[in-house]
PDB file of all heavy atoms in Angstrom:
ATOM      1  N   ALA A   1       0.834  -1.205   0.000  1.00  0.00           N
ATOM      2  CA  ALA A   1       0.000   0.000   0.000  1.00  0.00           C
ATOM      3  C   ALA A   1       0.869   1.256   0.000  1.00  0.00           C
ATOM      4  O   ALA A   1       0.576   2.241  -0.697  1.00  0.00           O
ATOM      5  CB  ALA A   1      -0.933  -0.010   1.212  1.00  0.00           C
ATOM      6  N   LEU A   2       1.948   1.237   0.787  1.00  0.00           N
ATOM      7  CA  LEU A   2       2.906   2.353   0.775  1.00  0.00           C
ATOM      8  C   LEU A   2       3.412   2.612  -0.636  1.00  0.00           C
ATOM      9  O   LEU A   2       3.448   3.763  -1.105  1.00  0.00           O
ATOM     10  CB  LEU A   2       4.087   2.032   1.686  1.00  0.00           C
ATOM     11  CG  LEU A   2       5.319   2.928   1.482  1.00  0.00           C
ATOM     12  CD1 LEU A   2       5.172   4.215   2.251  1.00  0.00           C
ATOM     13  CD2 LEU A   2       6.603   2.208   1.844  1.00  0.00           C
ATOM     14  N   GLN A   3       3.804   1.545  -1.347  1.00  0.00           N
ATOM     15  CA  GLN A   3       4.363   1.711  -2.688  1.00  0.00           C
ATOM     16  C   GLN A   3       3.333   2.276  -3.658  1.00  0.00           C
ATOM     17  O   GLN A   3       3.670   3.088  -4.533  1.00  0.00           O
ATOM     18  CB  GLN A   3       4.912   0.373  -3.177  1.00  0.00           C
ATOM     19  CG  GLN A   3       6.158  -0.063  -2.425  1.00  0.00           C
ATOM     20  CD  GLN A   3       6.566  -1.490  -2.707  1.00  0.00           C
ATOM     21  OE1 GLN A   3       7.007  -1.815  -3.808  1.00  0.00           O
ATOM     22  NE2 GLN A   3       6.407  -2.365  -1.722  1.00  0.00           N
ATOM     23  N   ALA A   4       2.062   1.882  -3.504  1.00  0.00           N
ATOM     24  CA  ALA A   4       1.025   2.453  -4.366  1.00  0.00           C
ATOM     25  C   ALA A   4       0.872   3.948  -4.127  1.00  0.00           C
ATOM     26  O   ALA A   4       0.699   4.736  -5.074  1.00  0.00           O
ATOM     27  CB  ALA A   4      -0.302   1.737  -4.128  1.00  0.00           C
ATOM     28  N   ILE A   5       0.935   4.370  -2.849  1.00  0.00           N
ATOM     29  CA  ILE A   5       0.833   5.796  -2.537  1.00  0.00           C
ATOM     30  C   ILE A   5       2.020   6.560  -3.124  1.00  0.00           C
ATOM     31  O   ILE A   5       1.854   7.645  -3.704  1.00  0.00           O
ATOM     32  CB  ILE A   5       0.727   5.985  -1.012  1.00  0.00           C
ATOM     33  CG1 ILE A   5      -0.602   5.424  -0.505  1.00  0.00           C
ATOM     34  CG2 ILE A   5       0.850   7.460  -0.637  1.00  0.00           C
ATOM     35  CD1 ILE A   5      -0.701   5.327   1.007  1.00  0.00           C
ATOM     36  N   VAL A   6       3.214   5.998  -3.002  1.00  0.00           N
ATOM     37  CA  VAL A   6       4.404   6.624  -3.597  1.00  0.00           C
ATOM     38  C   VAL A   6       4.281   6.676  -5.116  1.00  0.00           C
ATOM     39  O   VAL A   6       4.648   7.671  -5.762  1.00  0.00           O
ATOM     40  CB  VAL A   6       5.677   5.865  -3.161  1.00  0.00           C
ATOM     41  CG1 VAL A   6       6.892   6.324  -3.956  1.00  0.00           C
ATOM     42  CG2 VAL A   6       5.921   6.063  -1.664  1.00  0.00           C
ATOM     43  N   ASN A   7       3.742   5.598  -5.711  1.00  0.00           N
ATOM     44  CA  ASN A   7       3.539   5.591  -7.162  1.00  0.00           C
ATOM     45  C   ASN A   7       2.637   6.730  -7.608  1.00  0.00           C
ATOM     46  O   ASN A   7       2.884   7.392  -8.625  1.00  0.00           O
ATOM     47  CB  ASN A   7       2.931   4.254  -7.599  1.00  0.00           C
ATOM     48  CG  ASN A   7       3.893   3.090  -7.460  1.00  0.00           C
ATOM     49  OD1 ASN A   7       5.096   3.275  -7.339  1.00  0.00           O
ATOM     50  ND2 ASN A   7       3.351   1.882  -7.470  1.00  0.00           N
ATOM     51  N   LEU A   8       1.569   6.952  -6.845  1.00  0.00           N
ATOM     52  CA  LEU A   8       0.595   7.983  -7.218  1.00  0.00           C
ATOM     53  C   LEU A   8       1.144   9.390  -6.999  1.00  0.00           C
ATOM     54  O   LEU A   8       0.982  10.276  -7.851  1.00  0.00           O
ATOM     55  CB  LEU A   8      -0.689   7.787  -6.412  1.00  0.00           C
ATOM     56  CG  LEU A   8      -1.537   6.567  -6.780  1.00  0.00           C
ATOM     57  CD1 LEU A   8      -2.521   6.232  -5.670  1.00  0.00           C
ATOM     58  CD2 LEU A   8      -2.275   6.815  -8.102  1.00  0.00           C
ATOM     59  N   ILE A   9       1.803   9.618  -5.861  1.00  0.00           N
ATOM     60  CA  ILE A   9       2.236  10.972  -5.501  1.00  0.00           C
ATOM     61  C   ILE A   9       3.594  11.316  -6.109  1.00  0.00           C
ATOM     62  O   ILE A   9       3.762  12.383  -6.712  1.00  0.00           O
ATOM     63  CB  ILE A   9       2.260  11.130  -3.970  1.00  0.00           C
ATOM     64  CG1 ILE A   9       0.835  11.001  -3.408  1.00  0.00           C
ATOM     65  CG2 ILE A   9       2.874  12.478  -3.578  1.00  0.00           C
ATOM     66  CD1 ILE A   9       0.757  11.018  -1.891  1.00  0.00           C
ATOM     67  N   ASP A  10       4.575  10.442  -5.950  1.00  0.00           N
ATOM     68  CA  ASP A  10       5.935  10.752  -6.399  1.00  0.00           C
ATOM     69  C   ASP A  10       6.151  10.438  -7.874  1.00  0.00           C
ATOM     70  O   ASP A  10       6.745  11.242  -8.604  1.00  0.00           O
ATOM     71  CB  ASP A  10       6.959   9.976  -5.566  1.00  0.00           C
ATOM     72  CG  ASP A  10       7.073  10.503  -4.151  1.00  0.00           C
ATOM     73  OD1 ASP A  10       7.447  11.673  -3.999  1.00  0.00           O
ATOM     74  OD2 ASP A  10       6.787   9.764  -3.210  1.00  0.00           O
ATOM     75  N   HIS A  11       5.696   9.276  -8.299  1.00  0.00           N
ATOM     76  CA  HIS A  11       5.920   8.873  -9.686  1.00  0.00           C
ATOM     77  C   HIS A  11       4.773   9.292 -10.616  1.00  0.00           C
ATOM     78  O   HIS A  11       4.866   9.094 -11.832  1.00  0.00           O
ATOM     79  CB  HIS A  11       6.145   7.362  -9.764  1.00  0.00           C
ATOM     80  CG  HIS A  11       7.349   6.900  -9.003  1.00  0.00           C
ATOM     81  ND1 HIS A  11       8.624   7.332  -9.300  1.00  0.00           N
ATOM     82  CD2 HIS A  11       7.471   6.070  -7.934  1.00  0.00           C
ATOM     83  CE1 HIS A  11       9.483   6.775  -8.450  1.00  0.00           C
ATOM     84  NE2 HIS A  11       8.815   6.013  -7.621  1.00  0.00           N
ATOM     85  N   ARG A  12       3.725   9.862 -10.032  1.00  0.00           N
ATOM     86  CA  ARG A  12       2.590  10.426 -10.783  1.00  0.00           C
ATOM     87  C   ARG A  12       2.011   9.418 -11.773  1.00  0.00           C
ATOM     88  O   ARG A  12       1.696   9.735 -12.930  1.00  0.00           O
ATOM     89  CB  ARG A  12       3.004  11.724 -11.483  1.00  0.00           C
ATOM     90  CG  ARG A  12       3.551  12.741 -10.482  1.00  0.00           C
ATOM     91  CD  ARG A  12       3.866  14.071 -11.110  1.00  0.00           C
ATOM     92  NE  ARG A  12       4.746  14.853 -10.239  1.00  0.00           N
ATOM     93  CZ  ARG A  12       5.251  16.033 -10.549  1.00  0.00           C
ATOM     94  NH1 ARG A  12       4.971  16.587 -11.720  1.00  0.00           N
ATOM     95  NH2 ARG A  12       6.058  16.666  -9.714  1.00  0.00           N
ATOM     96  N   MET A  13       1.864   8.206 -11.317  1.00  0.00           N
ATOM     97  CA  MET A  13       1.247   7.166 -12.134  1.00  0.00           C
ATOM     98  C   MET A  13      -0.253   7.349 -12.194  1.00  0.00           C
ATOM     99  O   MET A  13      -0.859   7.983 -11.325  1.00  0.00           O
ATOM    100  CB  MET A  13       1.556   5.779 -11.551  1.00  0.00           C
ATOM    101  CG  MET A  13       3.001   5.352 -11.640  1.00  0.00           C
ATOM    102  SD  MET A  13       3.175   3.630 -11.078  1.00  0.00           S
ATOM    103  CE  MET A  13       4.961   3.447 -11.146  1.00  0.00           C
ATOM    104  N   THR A  14      -0.863   6.784 -13.229  1.00  0.00           N
ATOM    105  CA  THR A  14      -2.310   6.669 -13.236  1.00  0.00           C
ATOM    106  C   THR A  14      -2.712   5.657 -12.170  1.00  0.00           C
ATOM    107  O   THR A  14      -1.887   4.884 -11.663  1.00  0.00           O
ATOM    108  CB  THR A  14      -2.824   6.182 -14.592  1.00  0.00           C
ATOM    109  OG1 THR A  14      -2.386   4.823 -14.807  1.00  0.00           O
ATOM    110  CG2 THR A  14      -2.324   7.069 -15.723  1.00  0.00           C
ATOM    111  N   LEU A  15      -3.991   5.638 -11.819  1.00  0.00           N
ATOM    112  CA  LEU A  15      -4.456   4.687 -10.812  1.00  0.00           C
ATOM    113  C   LEU A  15      -4.182   3.252 -11.252  1.00  0.00           C
ATOM    114  O   LEU A  15      -3.726   2.419 -10.455  1.00  0.00           O
ATOM    115  CB  LEU A  15      -5.947   4.887 -10.545  1.00  0.00           C
ATOM    116  CG  LEU A  15      -6.500   4.106  -9.358  1.00  0.00           C
ATOM    117  CD1 LEU A  15      -5.956   4.652  -8.050  1.00  0.00           C
ATOM    118  CD2 LEU A  15      -8.026   4.129  -9.358  1.00  0.00           C
ATOM    119  N   GLN A  16      -4.464   2.945 -12.519  1.00  0.00           N
ATOM    120  CA  GLN A  16      -4.246   1.589 -13.015  1.00  0.00           C
ATOM    121  C   GLN A  16      -2.768   1.213 -12.930  1.00  0.00           C
ATOM    122  O   GLN A  16      -2.420   0.100 -12.525  1.00  0.00           O
ATOM    123  CB  GLN A  16      -4.744   1.453 -14.458  1.00  0.00           C
ATOM    124  CG  GLN A  16      -4.796   0.021 -14.966  1.00  0.00           C
ATOM    125  CD  GLN A  16      -5.840  -0.806 -14.227  1.00  0.00           C
ATOM    126  OE1 GLN A  16      -6.959  -0.377 -14.006  1.00  0.00           O
ATOM    127  NE2 GLN A  16      -5.462  -2.008 -13.833  1.00  0.00           N
ATOM    128  N   GLU A  17      -1.905   2.129 -13.306  1.00  0.00           N
ATOM    129  CA  GLU A  17      -0.470   1.863 -13.210  1.00  0.00           C
ATOM    130  C   GLU A  17      -0.045   1.652 -11.757  1.00  0.00           C
ATOM    131  O   GLU A  17       0.759   0.757 -11.450  1.00  0.00           O
ATOM    132  CB  GLU A  17       0.322   3.026 -13.815  1.00  0.00           C
ATOM    133  CG  GLU A  17       0.202   3.139 -15.324  1.00  0.00           C
ATOM    134  CD  GLU A  17       0.835   4.417 -15.855  1.00  0.00           C
ATOM    135  OE1 GLU A  17       0.903   5.419 -15.105  1.00  0.00           O
ATOM    136  OE2 GLU A  17       1.251   4.421 -17.023  1.00  0.00           O
ATOM    137  N   ALA A  18      -0.588   2.458 -10.863  1.00  0.00           N
ATOM    138  CA  ALA A  18      -0.169   2.388  -9.458  1.00  0.00           C
ATOM    139  C   ALA A  18      -0.496   1.050  -8.823  1.00  0.00           C
ATOM    140  O   ALA A  18       0.284   0.531  -8.015  1.00  0.00           O
ATOM    141  CB  ALA A  18      -0.818   3.526  -8.666  1.00  0.00           C
ATOM    142  N   VAL A  19      -1.657   0.464  -9.164  1.00  0.00           N
ATOM    143  CA  VAL A  19      -2.026  -0.815  -8.555  1.00  0.00           C
ATOM    144  C   VAL A  19      -1.330  -1.997  -9.229  1.00  0.00           C
ATOM    145  O   VAL A  19      -1.138  -3.050  -8.613  1.00  0.00           O
ATOM    146  CB  VAL A  19      -3.553  -1.029  -8.543  1.00  0.00           C
ATOM    147  CG1 VAL A  19      -4.241   0.099  -7.799  1.00  0.00           C
ATOM    148  CG2 VAL A  19      -4.134  -1.184  -9.937  1.00  0.00           C
ATOM    149  N   GLU A  20      -0.935  -1.839 -10.491  1.00  0.00           N
ATOM    150  CA  GLU A  20      -0.316  -2.954 -11.215  1.00  0.00           C
ATOM    151  C   GLU A  20       1.209  -2.901 -11.202  1.00  0.00           C
ATOM    152  O   GLU A  20       1.870  -3.892 -11.558  1.00  0.00           O
ATOM    153  CB  GLU A  20      -0.797  -2.975 -12.668  1.00  0.00           C
ATOM    154  CG  GLU A  20      -2.271  -3.300 -12.817  1.00  0.00           C
ATOM    155  CD  GLU A  20      -2.599  -3.982 -14.138  1.00  0.00           C
ATOM    156  OE1 GLU A  20      -1.775  -4.788 -14.607  1.00  0.00           O
ATOM    157  OE2 GLU A  20      -3.668  -3.695 -14.689  1.00  0.00           O
ATOM    158  N   ALA A  21       1.799  -1.812 -10.801  1.00  0.00           N
ATOM    159  CA  ALA A  21       3.254  -1.649 -10.851  1.00  0.00           C
ATOM    160  C   ALA A  21       3.962  -2.748 -10.060  1.00  0.00           C
ATOM    161  O   ALA A  21       3.455  -3.213  -9.036  1.00  0.00           O
ATOM    162  CB  ALA A  21       3.645  -0.277 -10.295  1.00  0.00           C
ATOM    163  N   PRO A  22       5.134  -3.171 -10.512  1.00  0.00           N
ATOM    164  CA  PRO A  22       5.887  -4.180  -9.772  1.00  0.00           C
ATOM    165  C   PRO A  22       6.251  -3.699  -8.375  1.00  0.00           C
ATOM    166  O   PRO A  22       6.482  -2.515  -8.146  1.00  0.00           O
ATOM    167  CB  PRO A  22       7.128  -4.414 -10.638  1.00  0.00           C
ATOM    168  CG  PRO A  22       7.223  -3.219 -11.531  1.00  0.00           C
ATOM    169  CD  PRO A  22       5.830  -2.757 -11.750  1.00  0.00           C
ATOM    170  N   ARG A  23       6.320  -4.660  -7.442  1.00  0.00           N
ATOM    171  CA  ARG A  23       6.504  -4.354  -6.027  1.00  0.00           C
ATOM    172  C   ARG A  23       7.766  -5.012  -5.474  1.00  0.00           C
ATOM    173  O   ARG A  23       8.292  -5.974  -6.039  1.00  0.00           O
ATOM    174  CB  ARG A  23       5.307  -4.862  -5.215  1.00  0.00           C
ATOM    175  CG  ARG A  23       3.972  -4.302  -5.643  1.00  0.00           C
ATOM    176  CD  ARG A  23       2.838  -5.034  -4.936  1.00  0.00           C
ATOM    177  NE  ARG A  23       1.518  -4.577  -5.397  1.00  0.00           N
ATOM    178  CZ  ARG A  23       0.403  -5.277  -5.240  1.00  0.00           C
ATOM    179  NH1 ARG A  23       0.436  -6.452  -4.627  1.00  0.00           N
ATOM    180  NH2 ARG A  23      -0.742  -4.801  -5.676  1.00  0.00           N
ATOM    181  N   ILE A  24       8.181  -4.495  -4.324  1.00  0.00           N
ATOM    182  CA  ILE A  24       9.270  -5.107  -3.557  1.00  0.00           C
ATOM    183  C   ILE A  24       8.735  -5.431  -2.172  1.00  0.00           C
ATOM    184  O   ILE A  24       7.679  -4.931  -1.755  1.00  0.00           O
ATOM    185  CB  ILE A  24      10.498  -4.190  -3.448  1.00  0.00           C
ATOM    186  CG1 ILE A  24      10.227  -3.042  -2.456  1.00  0.00           C
ATOM    187  CG2 ILE A  24      10.874  -3.614  -4.796  1.00  0.00           C
ATOM    188  CD1 ILE A  24      11.453  -2.336  -1.954  1.00  0.00           C
ATOM    189  N   TRP A  25       9.507  -6.254  -1.433  1.00  0.00           N
ATOM    190  CA  TRP A  25       9.158  -6.504  -0.036  1.00  0.00           C
ATOM    191  C   TRP A  25      10.367  -7.026   0.708  1.00  0.00           C
ATOM    192  O   TRP A  25      11.151  -7.827   0.178  1.00  0.00           O
ATOM    193  CB  TRP A  25       8.026  -7.519   0.091  1.00  0.00           C
ATOM    194  CG  TRP A  25       7.662  -7.752   1.536  1.00  0.00           C
ATOM    195  CD1 TRP A  25       6.882  -6.953   2.325  1.00  0.00           C
ATOM    196  CD2 TRP A  25       8.081  -8.837   2.372  1.00  0.00           C
ATOM    197  NE1 TRP A  25       6.793  -7.467   3.595  1.00  0.00           N
ATOM    198  CE2 TRP A  25       7.518  -8.637   3.654  1.00  0.00           C
ATOM    199  CE3 TRP A  25       8.882  -9.954   2.159  1.00  0.00           C
ATOM    200  CZ2 TRP A  25       7.726  -9.504   4.716  1.00  0.00           C
ATOM    201  CZ3 TRP A  25       9.103 -10.829   3.224  1.00  0.00           C
ATOM    202  CH2 TRP A  25       8.515 -10.600   4.481  1.00  0.00           C
ATOM    203  N   THR A  26      10.511  -6.571   1.938  1.00  0.00           N
ATOM    204  CA  THR A  26      11.470  -7.138   2.877  1.00  0.00           C
ATOM    205  C   THR A  26      11.014  -6.785   4.279  1.00  0.00           C
ATOM    206  O   THR A  26      10.369  -5.763   4.496  1.00  0.00           O
ATOM    207  CB  THR A  26      12.896  -6.614   2.656  1.00  0.00           C
ATOM    208  OG1 THR A  26      13.774  -7.237   3.594  1.00  0.00           O
ATOM    209  CG2 THR A  26      12.975  -5.102   2.838  1.00  0.00           C
ATOM    210  N   GLU A  27      11.323  -7.659   5.233  1.00  0.00           N
ATOM    211  CA  GLU A  27      11.113  -7.316   6.645  1.00  0.00           C
ATOM    212  C   GLU A  27      12.437  -7.313   7.391  1.00  0.00           C
ATOM    213  O   GLU A  27      12.477  -7.280   8.610  1.00  0.00           O
ATOM    214  CB  GLU A  27      10.125  -8.274   7.305  1.00  0.00           C
ATOM    215  CG  GLU A  27      10.548  -9.718   7.313  1.00  0.00           C
ATOM    216  CD  GLU A  27       9.589 -10.614   8.091  1.00  0.00           C
ATOM    217  OE1 GLU A  27       9.026 -10.148   9.104  1.00  0.00           O
ATOM    218  OE2 GLU A  27       9.403 -11.771   7.678  1.00  0.00           O
ATOM    219  N   GLY A  28      13.543  -7.353   6.620  1.00  0.00           N
ATOM    220  CA  GLY A  28      14.859  -7.341   7.229  1.00  0.00           C
ATOM    221  C   GLY A  28      15.721  -8.504   6.811  1.00  0.00           C
ATOM    222  O   GLY A  28      16.938  -8.501   7.020  1.00  0.00           O
ATOM    223  N   GLY A  29      15.102  -9.515   6.198  1.00  0.00           N
ATOM    224  CA  GLY A  29      15.857 -10.645   5.666  1.00  0.00           C
ATOM    225  C   GLY A  29      16.093 -10.452   4.177  1.00  0.00           C
ATOM    226  O   GLY A  29      16.700  -9.472   3.750  1.00  0.00           O
ATOM    227  N   VAL A  30      15.597 -11.390   3.370  1.00  0.00           N
ATOM    228  CA  VAL A  30      15.768 -11.275   1.928  1.00  0.00           C
ATOM    229  C   VAL A  30      14.948 -10.104   1.391  1.00  0.00           C
ATOM    230  O   VAL A  30      13.967  -9.666   2.007  1.00  0.00           O
ATOM    231  CB  VAL A  30      15.356 -12.578   1.210  1.00  0.00           C
ATOM    232  CG1 VAL A  30      16.228 -13.728   1.664  1.00  0.00           C
ATOM    233  CG2 VAL A  30      13.877 -12.882   1.436  1.00  0.00           C
ATOM    234  N   LEU A  31      15.345  -9.607   0.235  1.00  0.00           N
ATOM    235  CA  LEU A  31      14.624  -8.551  -0.477  1.00  0.00           C
ATOM    236  C   LEU A  31      13.957  -9.173  -1.694  1.00  0.00           C
ATOM    237  O   LEU A  31      14.629  -9.615  -2.631  1.00  0.00           O
ATOM    238  CB  LEU A  31      15.577  -7.438  -0.905  1.00  0.00           C
ATOM    239  CG  LEU A  31      14.996  -6.345  -1.815  1.00  0.00           C
ATOM    240  CD1 LEU A  31      13.835  -5.629  -1.139  1.00  0.00           C
ATOM    241  CD2 LEU A  31      16.077  -5.360  -2.228  1.00  0.00           C
ATOM    242  N   GLU A  32      12.635  -9.239  -1.656  1.00  0.00           N
ATOM    243  CA  GLU A  32      11.885  -9.805  -2.776  1.00  0.00           C
ATOM    244  C   GLU A  32      11.647  -8.727  -3.829  1.00  0.00           C
ATOM    245  O   GLU A  32      11.199  -7.627  -3.507  1.00  0.00           O
ATOM    246  CB  GLU A  32      10.543 -10.362  -2.309  1.00  0.00           C
ATOM    247  CG  GLU A  32      10.648 -11.527  -1.348  1.00  0.00           C
ATOM    248  CD  GLU A  32       9.290 -12.057  -0.927  1.00  0.00           C
ATOM    249  OE1 GLU A  32       8.275 -11.665  -1.553  1.00  0.00           O
ATOM    250  OE2 GLU A  32       9.232 -12.851   0.029  1.00  0.00           O
ATOM    251  N   LEU A  33      11.927  -9.058  -5.084  1.00  0.00           N
ATOM    252  CA  LEU A  33      11.651  -8.179  -6.222  1.00  0.00           C
ATOM    253  C   LEU A  33      10.756  -8.918  -7.195  1.00  0.00           C
ATOM    254  O   LEU A  33      11.057 -10.056  -7.573  1.00  0.00           O
ATOM    255  CB  LEU A  33      12.949  -7.800  -6.957  1.00  0.00           C
ATOM    256  CG  LEU A  33      14.044  -7.032  -6.239  1.00  0.00           C
ATOM    257  CD1 LEU A  33      15.195  -6.772  -7.204  1.00  0.00           C
ATOM    258  CD2 LEU A  33      13.522  -5.724  -5.684  1.00  0.00           C
ATOM    259  N   GLU A  34       9.665  -8.274  -7.603  1.00  0.00           N
ATOM    260  CA  GLU A  34       8.879  -8.876  -8.682  1.00  0.00           C
ATOM    261  C   GLU A  34       9.685  -8.860  -9.978  1.00  0.00           C
ATOM    262  O   GLU A  34      10.658  -8.112 -10.140  1.00  0.00           O
ATOM    263  CB  GLU A  34       7.537  -8.146  -8.835  1.00  0.00           C
ATOM    264  CG  GLU A  34       6.551  -8.517  -7.745  1.00  0.00           C
ATOM    265  CD  GLU A  34       5.131  -8.028  -8.005  1.00  0.00           C
ATOM    266  OE1 GLU A  34       4.942  -7.133  -8.873  1.00  0.00           O
ATOM    267  OE2 GLU A  34       4.212  -8.507  -7.343  1.00  0.00           O
ATOM    268  N   GLU A  35       9.260  -9.686 -10.908  1.00  0.00           N
ATOM    269  CA  GLU A  35      10.087  -9.987 -12.067  1.00  0.00           C
ATOM    270  C   GLU A  35      10.280  -8.824 -13.030  1.00  0.00           C
ATOM    271  O   GLU A  35      11.213  -8.835 -13.838  1.00  0.00           O
ATOM    272  CB  GLU A  35       9.501 -11.202 -12.793  1.00  0.00           C
ATOM    273  CG  GLU A  35       9.595 -12.471 -11.937  1.00  0.00           C
ATOM    274  CD  GLU A  35       8.726 -13.603 -12.451  1.00  0.00           C
ATOM    275  OE1 GLU A  35       7.874 -13.327 -13.338  1.00  0.00           O
ATOM    276  OE2 GLU A  35       8.880 -14.734 -11.974  1.00  0.00           O
ATOM    277  N   ALA A  36       9.433  -7.784 -12.962  1.00  0.00           N
ATOM    278  CA  ALA A  36       9.559  -6.667 -13.899  1.00  0.00           C
ATOM    279  C   ALA A  36      10.748  -5.761 -13.592  1.00  0.00           C
ATOM    280  O   ALA A  36      11.130  -4.948 -14.438  1.00  0.00           O
ATOM    281  CB  ALA A  36       8.269  -5.844 -13.914  1.00  0.00           C
ATOM    282  N   PHE A  37      11.342  -5.883 -12.407  1.00  0.00           N
ATOM    283  CA  PHE A  37      12.520  -5.075 -12.127  1.00  0.00           C
ATOM    284  C   PHE A  37      13.698  -5.600 -12.949  1.00  0.00           C
ATOM    285  O   PHE A  37      13.952  -6.809 -12.984  1.00  0.00           O
ATOM    286  CB  PHE A  37      12.863  -5.114 -10.634  1.00  0.00           C
ATOM    287  CG  PHE A  37      11.926  -4.310  -9.777  1.00  0.00           C
ATOM    288  CD1 PHE A  37      10.889  -4.933  -9.103  1.00  0.00           C
ATOM    289  CD2 PHE A  37      12.068  -2.936  -9.667  1.00  0.00           C
ATOM    290  CE1 PHE A  37      10.010  -4.200  -8.318  1.00  0.00           C
ATOM    291  CE2 PHE A  37      11.197  -2.192  -8.888  1.00  0.00           C
ATOM    292  CZ  PHE A  37      10.163  -2.824  -8.220  1.00  0.00           C
ATOM    293  N   PRO A  38      14.443  -4.713 -13.616  1.00  0.00           N
ATOM    294  CA  PRO A  38      15.540  -5.159 -14.483  1.00  0.00           C
ATOM    295  C   PRO A  38      16.610  -5.928 -13.707  1.00  0.00           C
ATOM    296  O   PRO A  38      16.857  -5.665 -12.530  1.00  0.00           O
ATOM    297  CB  PRO A  38      16.105  -3.851 -15.047  1.00  0.00           C
ATOM    298  CG  PRO A  38      15.014  -2.846 -14.887  1.00  0.00           C
ATOM    299  CD  PRO A  38      14.261  -3.244 -13.648  1.00  0.00           C
ATOM    300  N   GLU A  39      17.243  -6.853 -14.384  1.00  0.00           N
ATOM    301  CA  GLU A  39      18.300  -7.644 -13.752  1.00  0.00           C
ATOM    302  C   GLU A  39      19.453  -6.764 -13.297  1.00  0.00           C
ATOM    303  O   GLU A  39      20.087  -7.034 -12.266  1.00  0.00           O
ATOM    304  CB  GLU A  39      18.794  -8.719 -14.724  1.00  0.00           C
ATOM    305  CG  GLU A  39      19.845  -9.658 -14.141  1.00  0.00           C
ATOM    306  CD  GLU A  39      19.346 -10.391 -12.900  1.00  0.00           C
ATOM    307  OE1 GLU A  39      18.120 -10.604 -12.767  1.00  0.00           O
ATOM    308  OE2 GLU A  39      20.192 -10.725 -12.045  1.00  0.00           O
ATOM    309  N   ALA A  40      19.731  -5.697 -14.051  1.00  0.00           N
ATOM    310  CA  ALA A  40      20.811  -4.798 -13.655  1.00  0.00           C
ATOM    311  C   ALA A  40      20.527  -4.156 -12.296  1.00  0.00           C
ATOM    312  O   ALA A  40      21.447  -3.945 -11.481  1.00  0.00           O
ATOM    313  CB  ALA A  40      21.018  -3.723 -14.714  1.00  0.00           C
ATOM    314  N   VAL A  41      19.263  -3.832 -12.032  1.00  0.00           N
ATOM    315  CA  VAL A  41      18.890  -3.265 -10.740  1.00  0.00           C
ATOM    316  C   VAL A  41      19.048  -4.312  -9.645  1.00  0.00           C
ATOM    317  O   VAL A  41      19.571  -4.021  -8.559  1.00  0.00           O
ATOM    318  CB  VAL A  41      17.444  -2.730 -10.792  1.00  0.00           C
ATOM    319  CG1 VAL A  41      16.953  -2.337  -9.394  1.00  0.00           C
ATOM    320  CG2 VAL A  41      17.354  -1.531 -11.731  1.00  0.00           C
TER     321      VAL A  41
END
């Protein structure tokens, strides 16, 4: 939900883009990246 808010306010995405955009997650262990993030990143 935080990332969707950042998508809307900072990245100025449309609503559809904000809910569908690739996400990350971590609670302090591994960092999960959805597959749309480039391998270089």
